[in-house]
Amino acid sequence: MTAAHPVPMDARLRAIATETRGFMPPDEGLALYAAGIKAGELGHLLEVGTYCGKSTVYLGAAAQARGRRLITVDHHHGSEEHQPGWEYHEPDLVDPVTGRIDTLPTFRRTLHRAGLEDVVVALVGSSATAAALWGSPVALVFVDGGHTDSAAEQDYQGWTPHLLPGGLLVIHDVFPDPADGGQAPYRIYRRALDSGEFTESAADGTGSLRVLRKNPVVVGDVRPSVP
């Protein structure tokens, strides 16, 4: 992947992303957008964990700027921390008929407001099921789904095989210190680095957002012949 020419985020979309409900600070959102701009030179983008669409607007703006598509995967029933009795529960997102969290209507309104309905392809279902059925390479995988070890592992194992060499793996809520947050995203971040398949692009990350590049595949060690 070549160095991307800086493409400022559309001011209207930036304002909508800032106003959309969610848990991503603006500096991390802009870093995510910048990663999308870089990866968008190579191919389409994919995110795991949509909620109400805040990160979707950042990545959707990047996909639109590069003439790409953004695939977003979520069952829209919330992660464990969104359920009743947990810290990030929002009661108005509970469907009165099913009694379950349902962020899909709010997400659809976000896409409509942002004008990204022709850019974003929404897959509604579990990450593991979608990954098992998915058959196309992508240039960016953004992991921000469930924060249990099992959910984070499924997202990592399911989607990184679809990532193109030179593509970007972006992980949110990476906290090396357990006092700052849950450790599941940090563990898959360490797993990616320890695998040797990825190299961190430290200058592209900020806050709890980490950006890693999938190393190119080396077919063979070709050396010039010596006369």
Protein backbone atom coordinates (compact mmCIF):
# COMPACT_ATOMS: atom_id res chain seq x y z
CA MET A 1 0.00 0.00 0.00
CA THR A 2 1.41 3.37 -0.96
CA ALA A 3 1.22 6.40 1.32
CA ALA A 4 -2.23 7.89 1.03
CA HIS A 5 -2.61 11.50 0.02
CA PRO A 6 -4.33 13.32 2.92
CA VAL A 7 -8.05 13.67 2.24
CA PRO A 8 -9.80 15.84 4.86
CA MET A 9 -13.05 14.41 6.17
CA ASP A 10 -16.17 16.05 4.79
CA ALA A 11 -17.18 18.69 7.33
CA ARG A 12 -20.87 17.72 7.30
CA LEU A 13 -20.10 14.03 7.88
CA ARG A 14 -17.60 14.92 10.60
CA ALA A 15 -20.29 16.89 12.43
CA ILE A 16 -22.77 14.03 12.08
CA ALA A 17 -20.21 11.51 13.36
CA THR A 18 -19.50 13.70 16.38
CA GLU A 19 -23.22 14.04 17.18
CA THR A 20 -24.10 10.36 16.66
CA ARG A 21 -24.51 8.45 19.90
CA GLY A 22 -21.71 6.05 20.71
CA PHE A 23 -18.49 5.71 22.65
CA MET A 24 -15.68 6.76 20.30
CA PRO A 25 -13.89 10.06 21.06
CA PRO A 26 -13.46 12.43 18.09
CA ASP A 27 -9.66 12.01 17.94
CA GLU A 28 -10.02 8.23 17.66
CA GLY A 29 -12.78 8.67 15.09
CA LEU A 30 -10.56 10.84 12.92
CA ALA A 31 -7.73 8.30 13.24
CA LEU A 32 -10.18 5.62 12.11
CA TYR A 33 -11.19 7.79 9.15
CA ALA A 34 -7.51 8.28 8.24
CA ALA A 35 -6.95 4.51 8.36
CA GLY A 36 -9.95 4.07 6.07
CA ILE A 37 -8.52 6.59 3.62
CA LYS A 38 -5.21 4.68 3.52
CA ALA A 39 -6.81 1.25 3.20
CA GLY A 40 -9.32 2.55 0.66
CA GLU A 41 -6.53 2.77 -1.89
CA LEU A 42 -6.38 -1.03 -1.78
CA GLY A 43 -9.99 -2.16 -1.49
CA HIS A 44 -13.27 -2.13 0.41
CA LEU A 45 -13.55 -1.67 4.19
CA LEU A 46 -15.25 -3.74 6.89
CA GLU A 47 -16.21 -3.06 10.48
CA VAL A 48 -17.36 -5.43 13.20
CA GLY A 49 -19.52 -3.67 15.79
CA THR A 50 -21.86 -0.97 14.52
CA TYR A 51 -24.09 0.07 17.44
CA CYS A 52 -25.81 3.31 16.35
CA GLY A 53 -23.39 4.10 13.54
CA LYS A 54 -20.83 6.56 14.91
CA SER A 55 -17.79 4.63 13.65
CA THR A 56 -19.76 3.77 10.52
CA VAL A 57 -19.94 7.44 9.56
CA TYR A 58 -16.17 7.85 9.99
CA LEU A 59 -15.40 4.76 7.90
CA GLY A 60 -18.27 5.40 5.49
CA ALA A 61 -16.89 8.87 4.77
CA ALA A 62 -13.50 7.30 3.97
CA ALA A 63 -15.08 4.66 1.74
CA GLN A 64 -17.08 7.31 -0.09
CA ALA A 65 -13.99 9.47 -0.60
CA ARG A 66 -12.13 6.50 -2.11
CA GLY A 67 -15.02 5.21 -4.22
CA ARG A 68 -15.27 2.06 -2.10
CA ARG A 69 -17.91 0.31 -0.01
CA LEU A 70 -18.06 -0.24 3.74
CA ILE A 71 -19.45 -3.53 5.02
CA THR A 72 -20.64 -3.34 8.62
CA VAL A 73 -21.50 -6.38 10.73
CA ASP A 74 -23.65 -6.37 13.88
CA HIS A 75 -26.60 -8.30 15.32
CA HIS A 76 -27.77 -4.95 16.78
CA HIS A 77 -28.76 -6.45 20.13
CA GLY A 78 -25.84 -4.80 21.93
CA SER A 79 -22.73 -6.21 23.58
CA GLU A 80 -22.62 -7.42 27.17
CA GLU A 81 -21.91 -3.92 28.52
CA HIS A 82 -25.08 -2.57 26.86
CA GLN A 83 -27.44 -4.94 28.64
CA PRO A 84 -29.66 -3.91 31.60
CA GLY A 85 -27.68 -3.41 34.80
CA TRP A 86 -24.40 -2.75 32.99
CA GLU A 87 -22.47 0.50 32.75
CA TYR A 88 -23.30 1.41 29.15
CA HIS A 89 -26.97 0.39 29.10
CA GLU A 90 -29.24 2.90 27.33
CA PRO A 91 -32.89 2.09 28.20
CA ASP A 92 -34.40 3.97 25.25
CA LEU A 93 -32.74 1.49 22.87
CA VAL A 94 -34.78 -1.41 24.26
CA ASP A 95 -37.47 -2.63 21.86
CA PRO A 96 -40.77 -2.61 23.81
CA VAL A 97 -42.05 -5.63 21.86
CA THR A 98 -39.03 -7.94 22.20
CA GLY A 99 -37.64 -6.50 25.42
CA ARG A 100 -34.16 -6.58 23.87
CA ILE A 101 -31.67 -3.91 22.88
CA ASP A 102 -32.22 -3.05 19.22
CA THR A 103 -29.93 -0.43 17.69
CA LEU A 104 -30.89 -1.19 14.08
CA PRO A 105 -33.59 1.52 13.72
CA THR A 106 -31.25 4.16 15.14
CA PHE A 107 -28.43 2.96 12.89
CA ARG A 108 -30.66 3.19 9.81
CA ARG A 109 -31.57 6.75 10.73
CA THR A 110 -27.86 7.57 11.09
CA LEU A 111 -27.15 6.26 7.58
CA HIS A 112 -30.08 8.23 6.17
CA ARG A 113 -28.98 11.44 7.85
CA ALA A 114 -25.39 10.98 6.65
CA GLY A 115 -26.45 10.12 3.10
CA LEU A 116 -24.37 6.94 3.19
CA GLU A 117 -27.07 4.40 2.38
CA ASP A 118 -25.48 3.67 -1.03
CA VAL A 119 -21.99 3.37 0.47
CA VAL A 120 -22.62 1.15 3.50
CA VAL A 121 -23.70 -2.48 3.22
CA ALA A 122 -25.16 -3.63 6.54
CA LEU A 123 -24.99 -7.31 7.50
CA VAL A 124 -27.37 -7.98 10.39
CA GLY A 125 -26.34 -11.11 12.26
CA SER A 126 -23.53 -12.62 14.28
CA SER A 127 -19.95 -11.80 13.35
CA ALA A 128 -18.90 -15.45 13.38
CA THR A 129 -21.70 -16.51 11.00
CA ALA A 130 -21.07 -13.61 8.61
CA ALA A 131 -17.32 -14.28 8.57
CA ALA A 132 -17.85 -17.97 7.80
CA LEU A 133 -20.03 -17.07 4.80
CA TRP A 134 -17.94 -14.15 3.57
CA GLY A 135 -15.89 -14.79 0.44
CA SER A 136 -14.26 -11.53 -0.68
CA PRO A 137 -11.00 -9.87 0.39
CA VAL A 138 -11.15 -6.54 2.22
CA ALA A 139 -8.54 -3.85 2.76
CA LEU A 140 -9.48 -2.91 6.34
CA VAL A 141 -10.98 -4.82 9.25
CA PHE A 142 -12.10 -2.70 12.19
CA VAL A 143 -12.77 -4.79 15.31
CA ASP A 144 -15.08 -3.13 17.84
CA GLY A 145 -17.61 -5.83 18.64
CA GLY A 146 -18.19 -7.75 21.86
CA HIS A 147 -15.45 -7.33 24.45
CA THR A 148 -15.52 -10.78 25.98
CA ASP A 149 -12.55 -12.98 25.14
CA SER A 150 -14.72 -15.35 23.12
CA ALA A 151 -16.31 -12.55 21.06
CA ALA A 152 -13.00 -10.79 20.40
CA GLU A 153 -11.32 -14.08 19.44
CA GLN A 154 -14.16 -14.95 17.05
CA ASP A 155 -13.89 -11.55 15.39
CA TYR A 156 -10.12 -11.88 15.03
CA GLN A 157 -10.17 -15.48 13.79
CA GLY A 158 -13.15 -14.94 11.52
CA TRP A 159 -12.16 -11.76 9.71
CA THR A 160 -8.36 -11.42 9.56
CA PRO A 161 -8.09 -14.26 6.99
CA HIS A 162 -10.13 -12.06 4.63
CA LEU A 163 -7.72 -9.13 5.02
CA LEU A 164 -5.56 -8.38 2.00
CA PRO A 165 -1.76 -8.34 2.40
CA GLY A 166 -0.89 -4.72 3.09
CA GLY A 167 -4.37 -4.12 4.50
CA LEU A 168 -5.09 -2.66 7.92
CA LEU A 169 -6.35 -4.32 11.09
CA VAL A 170 -7.77 -1.64 13.41
CA ILE A 171 -8.71 -2.58 16.98
CA HIS A 172 -10.63 -0.33 19.36
CA ASP A 173 -10.54 -0.21 23.18
CA VAL A 174 -7.00 -1.54 23.51
CA PHE A 175 -5.95 -0.94 27.11
CA PRO A 176 -2.60 -2.42 28.20
CA ASP A 177 -3.40 -1.52 31.84
CA PRO A 178 -6.38 -3.54 33.18
CA ALA A 179 -7.29 -0.57 35.36
CA ASP A 180 -8.23 1.37 32.23
CA GLY A 181 -10.55 -1.18 30.64
CA GLY A 182 -11.28 -4.75 29.59
CA GLN A 183 -8.43 -6.84 28.27
CA ALA A 184 -10.00 -8.84 25.41
CA PRO A 185 -9.17 -6.25 22.69
CA TYR A 186 -5.64 -5.94 24.11
CA ARG A 187 -5.20 -9.70 23.95
CA ILE A 188 -6.13 -9.94 20.27
CA TYR A 189 -3.89 -6.93 19.59
CA ARG A 190 -1.00 -8.81 21.23
CA ARG A 191 -1.96 -12.00 19.39
CA ALA A 192 -1.79 -10.18 16.05
CA LEU A 193 1.65 -8.75 16.78
CA ASP A 194 3.00 -11.99 18.22
CA SER A 195 1.82 -13.93 15.17
CA GLY A 196 4.35 -12.14 12.97
CA GLU A 197 1.60 -11.50 10.41
CA PHE A 198 1.13 -7.87 11.43
CA THR A 199 3.28 -4.81 12.06
CA GLU A 200 1.95 -1.94 14.14
CA SER A 201 1.58 1.41 12.43
CA ALA A 202 2.02 3.29 15.69
CA ALA A 203 1.87 6.74 14.13
CA ASP A 204 -1.64 6.00 12.83
CA GLY A 205 -3.15 5.01 16.18
CA THR A 206 -4.37 7.26 18.96
CA GLY A 207 -5.92 6.77 22.39
CA SER A 208 -7.24 3.22 22.59
CA LEU A 209 -7.27 2.79 18.80
CA ARG A 210 -4.49 0.60 17.38
CA VAL A 211 -3.64 0.28 13.68
CA LEU A 212 -1.70 -2.72 12.36
CA ARG A 213 -0.70 -3.55 8.79
CA LYS A 214 -0.88 -7.10 7.48
CA ASN A 215 2.58 -7.99 6.24
CA PRO A 216 2.94 -8.77 2.53
CA VAL A 217 3.27 -12.43 1.60
CA VAL A 218 6.84 -13.33 0.67
CA VAL A 219 6.73 -16.01 -2.03
CA GLY A 220 10.44 -16.67 -2.04
CA ASP A 221 13.79 -15.16 -1.29
CA VAL A 222 14.97 -14.12 -4.76
CA ARG A 223 18.63 -13.05 -4.81
CA PRO A 224 20.59 -11.76 -7.78
CA SER A 225 23.02 -14.28 -9.21
CA VAL A 226 26.71 -13.72 -8.61
CA PRO A 227 28.88 -13.94 -11.78
